[in-house]
N, C-alpha and C. Protein backbone atom coordinates (compact mmCIF):
# COMPACT_ATOMS: atom_id res chain seq x y z
N UNK A 1 -22.47 6.39 -15.40
CA UNK A 1 -22.93 5.33 -14.41
C UNK A 1 -22.09 4.29 -14.93
N UNK A 2 -21.84 3.14 -14.29
CA UNK A 2 -20.96 2.02 -14.27
C UNK A 2 -22.02 1.22 -15.09
N UNK A 3 -21.27 0.74 -16.45
CA UNK A 3 -22.11 0.04 -17.28
C UNK A 3 -21.82 -1.49 -17.49
N UNK A 4 -21.22 -1.95 -16.90
CA UNK A 4 -20.59 -3.55 -17.06
C UNK A 4 -21.04 -4.40 -15.90
N UNK A 5 -21.96 -4.15 -15.08
CA UNK A 5 -22.48 -5.27 -14.18
C UNK A 5 -21.56 -5.49 -12.90
N UNK A 6 -22.14 -6.12 -11.89
CA UNK A 6 -21.62 -6.44 -10.68
C UNK A 6 -20.25 -6.89 -10.58
N UNK A 7 -20.06 -8.06 -11.45
CA UNK A 7 -19.00 -9.00 -11.41
C UNK A 7 -17.74 -8.13 -12.09
N UNK A 8 -17.99 -7.38 -13.10
CA UNK A 8 -16.84 -6.63 -13.69
C UNK A 8 -16.54 -5.61 -12.84
N UNK A 9 -17.54 -4.84 -12.17
CA UNK A 9 -17.30 -3.93 -11.09
C UNK A 9 -16.39 -4.59 -9.76
N UNK A 10 -16.69 -5.63 -9.55
CA UNK A 10 -15.82 -6.48 -8.49
C UNK A 10 -14.37 -6.58 -9.04
N UNK A 11 -14.38 -7.30 -10.24
CA UNK A 11 -12.95 -7.44 -10.87
C UNK A 11 -12.40 -6.17 -11.14
N UNK A 12 -13.02 -4.91 -11.38
CA UNK A 12 -12.08 -3.79 -11.68
C UNK A 12 -11.76 -3.36 -10.29
N UNK A 13 -12.34 -3.44 -9.40
CA UNK A 13 -11.97 -2.67 -8.06
C UNK A 13 -11.02 -3.42 -7.44
N UNK A 14 -11.09 -4.95 -7.39
CA UNK A 14 -9.85 -5.96 -6.94
C UNK A 14 -8.84 -5.54 -7.66
N UNK A 15 -8.62 -5.46 -9.11
CA UNK A 15 -7.57 -5.20 -9.84
C UNK A 15 -6.99 -3.81 -9.34
N UNK A 16 -7.79 -2.70 -9.38
CA UNK A 16 -7.29 -1.30 -8.74
C UNK A 16 -6.57 -1.53 -7.36
N UNK A 17 -7.08 -1.99 -6.52
CA UNK A 17 -6.69 -2.47 -5.25
C UNK A 17 -5.42 -3.18 -4.87
N UNK A 18 -5.37 -4.25 -5.82
CA UNK A 18 -4.28 -5.24 -5.91
C UNK A 18 -3.08 -4.36 -6.40
N UNK A 19 -3.16 -3.85 -7.82
CA UNK A 19 -1.88 -2.98 -8.27
C UNK A 19 -1.88 -1.74 -7.56
N UNK A 20 -2.66 -1.15 -7.14
CA UNK A 20 -2.44 0.10 -6.28
C UNK A 20 -1.58 -0.12 -5.06
N UNK A 21 -2.01 -1.16 -4.28
CA UNK A 21 -1.21 -1.43 -3.10
C UNK A 21 0.32 -2.14 -3.35
N UNK A 22 0.19 -3.01 -4.56
CA UNK A 22 1.36 -3.54 -4.93
C UNK A 22 2.34 -2.43 -5.45
N UNK A 23 1.85 -1.33 -5.85
CA UNK A 23 2.67 -0.40 -6.44
C UNK A 23 3.05 0.41 -5.19
N UNK A 24 2.48 0.83 -4.20
CA UNK A 24 3.01 1.20 -3.06
C UNK A 24 3.85 0.31 -2.24
N UNK A 25 3.60 -0.78 -2.18
CA UNK A 25 4.45 -1.67 -1.65
C UNK A 25 5.86 -2.07 -2.10
N UNK A 26 5.72 -2.09 -3.33
CA UNK A 26 7.07 -1.99 -4.33
C UNK A 26 7.91 -0.62 -4.08
N UNK A 27 7.48 0.31 -3.76
CA UNK A 27 7.95 1.54 -3.59
C UNK A 27 8.45 1.54 -2.34
N UNK A 28 7.93 0.90 -1.32
CA UNK A 28 8.10 0.73 0.05
C UNK A 28 9.39 -0.30 0.18
N UNK A 29 9.38 -1.34 -0.49
CA UNK A 29 10.34 -2.34 -0.44
C UNK A 29 11.77 -1.70 -1.23
N UNK A 30 11.54 -1.11 -2.31
CA UNK A 30 12.78 -0.40 -3.00
C UNK A 30 13.40 0.41 -1.87
N UNK A 31 12.45 1.17 -1.08
CA UNK A 31 13.18 2.18 -0.35
C UNK A 31 13.84 1.34 0.82
N UNK A 32 13.20 0.32 1.34
CA UNK A 32 13.75 -0.52 2.29
C UNK A 32 15.09 -1.25 2.00
N UNK A 33 14.97 -1.95 0.51
CA UNK A 33 16.21 -2.57 -0.09
C UNK A 33 17.45 -1.51 -0.35
N UNK A 34 17.18 -0.22 -0.92
CA UNK A 34 17.96 0.72 -0.63
C UNK A 34 18.73 1.12 0.47
N UNK A 35 17.98 1.52 1.47
CA UNK A 35 18.43 1.51 3.08
C UNK A 35 19.03 0.34 3.34
N UNK A 36 18.73 -0.86 3.00
CA UNK A 36 19.49 -1.95 3.72
C UNK A 36 20.61 -2.40 2.84
N UNK A 37 20.89 -1.97 1.37
CA UNK A 37 22.00 -2.21 0.99
C UNK A 37 23.00 -1.21 1.13
N UNK A 38 22.74 0.20 1.77
CA UNK A 38 23.41 1.16 1.81
C UNK A 38 23.67 1.03 3.35
N UNK A 39 22.87 0.89 4.38
CA UNK A 39 23.06 1.02 5.53
C UNK A 39 23.13 -0.50 6.48
N UNK A 40 22.65 -1.47 5.92
CA UNK A 40 22.61 -2.91 6.64
C UNK A 40 22.55 -3.70 5.63
N UNK A 41 23.16 -4.70 5.80
CA UNK A 41 23.26 -6.00 4.58
C UNK A 41 21.81 -6.93 5.02
N UNK A 42 20.92 -6.80 4.58
CA UNK A 42 19.64 -7.61 4.41
C UNK A 42 18.54 -7.42 3.33
N UNK A 43 17.50 -8.31 3.23
CA UNK A 43 16.39 -8.27 2.10
C UNK A 43 14.96 -8.42 2.77
N UNK A 44 13.97 -8.52 1.64
CA UNK A 44 12.47 -8.42 1.94
C UNK A 44 11.37 -9.06 0.79
N UNK A 45 9.46 -8.88 0.67
CA UNK A 45 8.11 -9.35 -0.37
C UNK A 45 6.85 -8.52 -0.63
N UNK A 46 6.20 -8.19 -1.82
CA UNK A 46 5.31 -7.05 -1.93
C UNK A 46 3.95 -7.73 -2.48
N UNK A 47 4.09 -8.58 -3.35
CA UNK A 47 2.68 -9.18 -3.85
C UNK A 47 1.80 -9.96 -2.79
N UNK A 48 2.29 -10.57 -2.00
CA UNK A 48 1.45 -11.30 -0.76
C UNK A 48 1.05 -10.30 0.00
N UNK A 49 1.59 -9.31 0.53
CA UNK A 49 0.98 -8.26 1.22
C UNK A 49 -0.22 -7.66 0.34
N UNK A 50 -0.01 -7.28 -0.70
CA UNK A 50 -0.98 -6.38 -1.68
C UNK A 50 -2.49 -7.71 -1.88
N UNK A 51 -1.83 -8.62 -1.93
CA UNK A 51 -2.98 -9.69 -2.31
C UNK A 51 -3.70 -9.86 -0.98
N UNK A 52 -3.12 -9.90 0.00
CA UNK A 52 -3.81 -10.18 1.46
C UNK A 52 -4.97 -8.92 1.60
N UNK A 53 -4.63 -7.70 1.34
CA UNK A 53 -5.56 -6.85 1.26
C UNK A 53 -6.59 -6.47 0.14
N UNK A 54 -6.26 -6.90 -1.06
CA UNK A 54 -6.89 -6.82 -2.42
C UNK A 54 -8.15 -8.09 -2.14
N UNK A 55 -7.54 -8.99 -1.37
CA UNK A 55 -8.76 -10.40 -1.41
C UNK A 55 -9.51 -10.25 -0.38
N UNK A 56 -9.14 -9.43 0.78
CA UNK A 56 -10.00 -9.42 1.98
C UNK A 56 -11.41 -9.05 1.67
N UNK A 57 -11.80 -8.04 0.74
CA UNK A 57 -13.19 -7.72 0.71
C UNK A 57 -13.72 -8.94 -0.25
N UNK A 58 -13.26 -9.85 -1.02
CA UNK A 58 -13.87 -10.95 -1.52
C UNK A 58 -13.83 -11.92 -0.55
N UNK A 59 -13.50 -11.97 0.52
CA UNK A 59 -13.79 -12.65 1.56
C UNK A 59 -14.61 -12.01 2.76
N UNK A 60 -15.43 -11.12 2.30
CA UNK A 60 -16.25 -10.45 3.10
C UNK A 60 -15.64 -9.53 4.54
N UNK A 61 -14.40 -9.25 4.47
CA UNK A 61 -13.82 -8.14 5.20
C UNK A 61 -13.73 -6.95 4.34
N UNK A 62 -14.56 -5.88 4.54
CA UNK A 62 -14.54 -4.86 3.59
C UNK A 62 -15.48 -5.11 2.54
N UNK A 63 -15.45 -4.19 1.60
CA UNK A 63 -16.59 -4.59 0.37
C UNK A 63 -16.16 -3.68 -0.83
N UNK A 64 -16.40 -4.20 -2.12
CA UNK A 64 -16.02 -3.55 -3.38
C UNK A 64 -17.40 -2.87 -3.57
N UNK A 65 -17.39 -1.96 -4.35
CA UNK A 65 -18.52 -1.31 -5.03
C UNK A 65 -18.26 -0.13 -5.80
N UNK A 66 -19.46 0.41 -6.35
CA UNK A 66 -18.87 1.70 -7.37
C UNK A 66 -18.84 2.74 -6.41
N UNK A 67 -18.07 3.58 -7.04
CA UNK A 67 -17.59 4.83 -6.44
C UNK A 67 -18.88 5.76 -6.32
N UNK A 68 -18.74 6.92 -5.65
CA UNK A 68 -19.87 7.94 -5.49
C UNK A 68 -20.46 8.26 -6.70
N UNK A 69 -19.59 8.50 -7.95
CA UNK A 69 -20.02 8.86 -8.98
C UNK A 69 -20.48 7.87 -9.96
N UNK A 70 -20.18 6.55 -9.69
CA UNK A 70 -20.69 5.57 -10.50
C UNK A 70 -19.93 5.28 -11.76
N UNK A 71 -18.79 5.75 -11.86
CA UNK A 71 -18.04 5.78 -13.12
C UNK A 71 -16.98 4.47 -13.02
N UNK A 72 -16.47 4.18 -11.66
CA UNK A 72 -15.54 3.21 -11.54
C UNK A 72 -15.88 2.41 -10.31
N UNK A 73 -15.06 1.56 -10.02
CA UNK A 73 -15.43 0.62 -8.75
C UNK A 73 -14.20 0.46 -7.91
N UNK A 74 -14.22 0.60 -6.62
CA UNK A 74 -13.27 0.37 -5.54
C UNK A 74 -13.88 -0.08 -4.12
N UNK A 75 -13.27 0.40 -3.23
CA UNK A 75 -14.04 0.21 -1.88
C UNK A 75 -15.12 0.81 -1.82
N UNK A 76 -15.92 0.01 -1.17
CA UNK A 76 -17.34 0.70 -0.87
C UNK A 76 -17.12 1.65 0.45
N UNK A 77 -16.70 2.87 0.37
CA UNK A 77 -16.39 3.58 1.48
C UNK A 77 -17.61 3.85 2.35
N UNK A 78 -18.63 3.98 1.64
CA UNK A 78 -19.92 4.49 2.73
C UNK A 78 -20.46 3.21 3.51
N UNK A 79 -20.04 2.06 3.18
CA UNK A 79 -20.39 0.89 4.12
C UNK A 79 -19.80 1.09 5.38
N UNK A 80 -18.51 1.63 5.29
CA UNK A 80 -17.94 1.86 6.69
C UNK A 80 -18.78 2.77 7.83
N UNK A 81 -19.64 3.45 7.29
CA UNK A 81 -20.49 4.05 8.38
C UNK A 81 -21.62 3.26 8.89
N UNK A 82 -21.96 1.90 8.21
CA UNK A 82 -22.92 1.32 8.45
C UNK A 82 -22.46 -0.04 9.18
N UNK A 83 -21.30 -0.71 8.57
CA UNK A 83 -20.86 -1.90 9.16
C UNK A 83 -19.38 -1.82 9.88
N UNK A 84 -19.48 -2.43 11.10
CA UNK A 84 -18.24 -2.20 11.71
C UNK A 84 -17.23 -3.13 11.04
N UNK A 85 -17.51 -4.06 10.46
CA UNK A 85 -16.56 -5.07 9.85
C UNK A 85 -15.83 -4.35 8.73
N UNK A 86 -16.66 -3.66 7.80
CA UNK A 86 -16.09 -3.01 6.82
C UNK A 86 -15.11 -1.60 7.33
N UNK A 87 -15.62 -1.16 8.59
CA UNK A 87 -14.80 -0.12 9.14
C UNK A 87 -13.44 -0.45 9.74
N UNK A 88 -13.32 -1.56 10.22
CA UNK A 88 -12.29 -2.15 10.74
C UNK A 88 -11.25 -2.61 9.43
N UNK A 89 -11.75 -3.12 8.40
CA UNK A 89 -10.85 -3.15 7.15
C UNK A 89 -10.26 -1.74 6.76
N UNK A 90 -11.21 -0.88 6.53
CA UNK A 90 -10.77 0.57 6.37
C UNK A 90 -9.61 0.97 7.04
N UNK A 91 -9.79 0.87 8.37
CA UNK A 91 -8.92 1.26 9.43
C UNK A 91 -7.51 0.53 9.25
N UNK A 92 -7.65 -0.77 9.26
CA UNK A 92 -6.43 -1.45 8.97
C UNK A 92 -5.79 -1.12 7.65
N UNK A 93 -6.52 -1.11 6.65
CA UNK A 93 -5.99 -0.61 5.34
C UNK A 93 -5.31 0.65 5.48
N UNK A 94 -5.83 1.65 6.17
CA UNK A 94 -5.28 2.84 6.09
C UNK A 94 -3.78 2.82 6.86
N UNK A 95 -3.82 2.16 7.84
CA UNK A 95 -2.58 2.03 8.76
C UNK A 95 -1.54 1.25 7.96
N UNK A 96 -1.97 0.04 7.56
CA UNK A 96 -1.08 -1.12 6.93
C UNK A 96 -0.54 -0.67 5.48
N UNK A 97 -1.53 0.02 4.97
CA UNK A 97 -1.13 0.41 3.51
C UNK A 97 -1.18 1.58 3.09
N UNK A 98 -0.96 2.68 4.06
CA UNK A 98 -0.63 4.17 3.95
C UNK A 98 0.22 4.56 5.05
N UNK A 99 -0.13 4.45 6.18
CA UNK A 99 0.59 5.25 7.19
C UNK A 99 1.84 4.27 7.29
N UNK A 100 1.89 3.00 7.55
CA UNK A 100 2.90 2.09 7.58
C UNK A 100 4.15 2.29 6.54
N UNK A 101 3.66 2.09 5.26
CA UNK A 101 4.53 2.14 4.22
C UNK A 101 5.15 3.82 3.98
N UNK A 102 4.33 4.59 4.11
CA UNK A 102 4.82 5.90 4.17
C UNK A 102 5.99 6.18 5.26
N UNK A 103 5.57 5.75 6.41
CA UNK A 103 6.90 5.52 7.40
C UNK A 103 7.74 5.21 7.24
N UNK A 104 7.74 3.67 6.68
CA UNK A 104 9.08 3.05 6.24
C UNK A 104 10.00 3.70 5.23
N UNK A 105 9.11 4.34 4.05
CA UNK A 105 9.82 5.24 2.95
C UNK A 105 10.57 6.35 3.56
N UNK A 106 9.82 7.32 4.49
CA UNK A 106 10.59 8.46 4.99
C UNK A 106 11.66 7.94 5.89
N UNK A 107 11.63 6.88 6.68
CA UNK A 107 12.64 6.49 7.63
C UNK A 107 13.72 5.84 6.75
N UNK A 108 13.76 5.21 5.89
CA UNK A 108 14.50 4.58 4.79
C UNK A 108 15.32 5.71 4.06
N UNK A 109 14.69 6.69 3.49
CA UNK A 109 15.55 7.39 3.00
C UNK A 109 16.29 8.61 3.79
N UNK A 110 15.77 8.81 5.01
CA UNK A 110 16.37 9.42 6.07
C UNK A 110 17.82 8.80 6.55
N UNK A 111 17.58 7.58 6.66
CA UNK A 111 18.83 6.72 6.92
C UNK A 111 19.72 6.60 5.97
N UNK A 112 19.34 6.47 4.61
CA UNK A 112 20.24 6.67 3.48
C UNK A 112 20.83 8.02 3.40
N UNK A 113 20.15 9.05 3.35
CA UNK A 113 20.53 10.71 3.58
C UNK A 113 21.69 10.63 4.55
N UNK A 114 21.58 10.27 5.73
CA UNK A 114 22.47 10.24 6.81
C UNK A 114 23.82 9.60 6.47
N UNK A 115 23.66 8.23 6.02
CA UNK A 115 24.65 7.26 5.93
C UNK A 115 25.65 7.88 4.63
N UNK A 116 24.98 8.42 3.59
CA UNK A 116 25.58 9.09 2.43
C UNK A 116 26.41 10.43 3.05
N UNK A 117 25.88 11.13 3.80
CA UNK A 117 26.34 12.45 4.27
C UNK A 117 27.68 12.01 5.05
N UNK A 118 27.49 11.01 6.02
CA UNK A 118 28.64 10.59 6.55
C UNK A 118 29.77 9.94 5.96
N UNK A 119 29.33 9.28 4.75
CA UNK A 119 30.61 8.89 3.96
C UNK A 119 31.28 9.97 3.32
N UNK A 120 30.43 11.02 2.92
CA UNK A 120 30.95 11.85 2.31
C UNK A 120 32.14 12.79 3.00
N UNK A 121 31.60 12.99 4.30
CA UNK A 121 32.65 13.65 5.32
C UNK A 121 33.74 12.84 5.60
N UNK A 122 33.57 11.39 5.65
CA UNK A 122 34.74 10.52 5.85
C UNK A 122 35.78 10.76 4.46
N UNK A 123 35.06 10.85 3.50
CA UNK A 123 35.89 11.01 2.17
C UNK A 123 36.64 12.09 2.17
N UNK A 124 35.97 13.31 2.42
CA UNK A 124 36.51 14.61 2.62
C UNK A 124 37.67 14.68 3.69
N UNK A 125 37.64 13.94 4.51
CA UNK A 125 38.72 14.08 5.60
C UNK A 125 39.93 13.46 5.19
N UNK A 126 39.91 12.53 4.17
CA UNK A 126 40.97 11.84 3.79
C UNK A 126 41.44 12.59 2.54
C-alpha cells in the first residue's frame, strides 16, 4: 500500500505525469525538429504543453490518486467512470498526449525517410 500520505501521493503523481508527458513531448519535438531541419526550415516548445496537462488535475480537471495496487500514484482512472469531468480529461489527455504526438512522430520520420531517399537518388544520378 501507499505509505506516504495524500500530499506525497499527489506530488508523486504530478511528477510522474509532468515528466512522462514532457518526455513524450520532447521526443515529439525532436522528431519535428529533425523533420523541419531536413524537410523545412522552422522550429517549436514541450514543458508548457506537459505542464498544462500535469497541472490540470491540480485544478480539478481530472484527479490524481493511488493506482489500483496502491503502490504508486498517478491519474485516478476509476473516477472516469463516475465523473464526466474526469472522463473528459482522460479523453483529451489520450488524444493530445498520445495519439497526436505519436501521429506527429510517425509523420515526421516518414517525411525524413522520403527526403533522405530522394536526396540519395539525386546523388546517385550525378
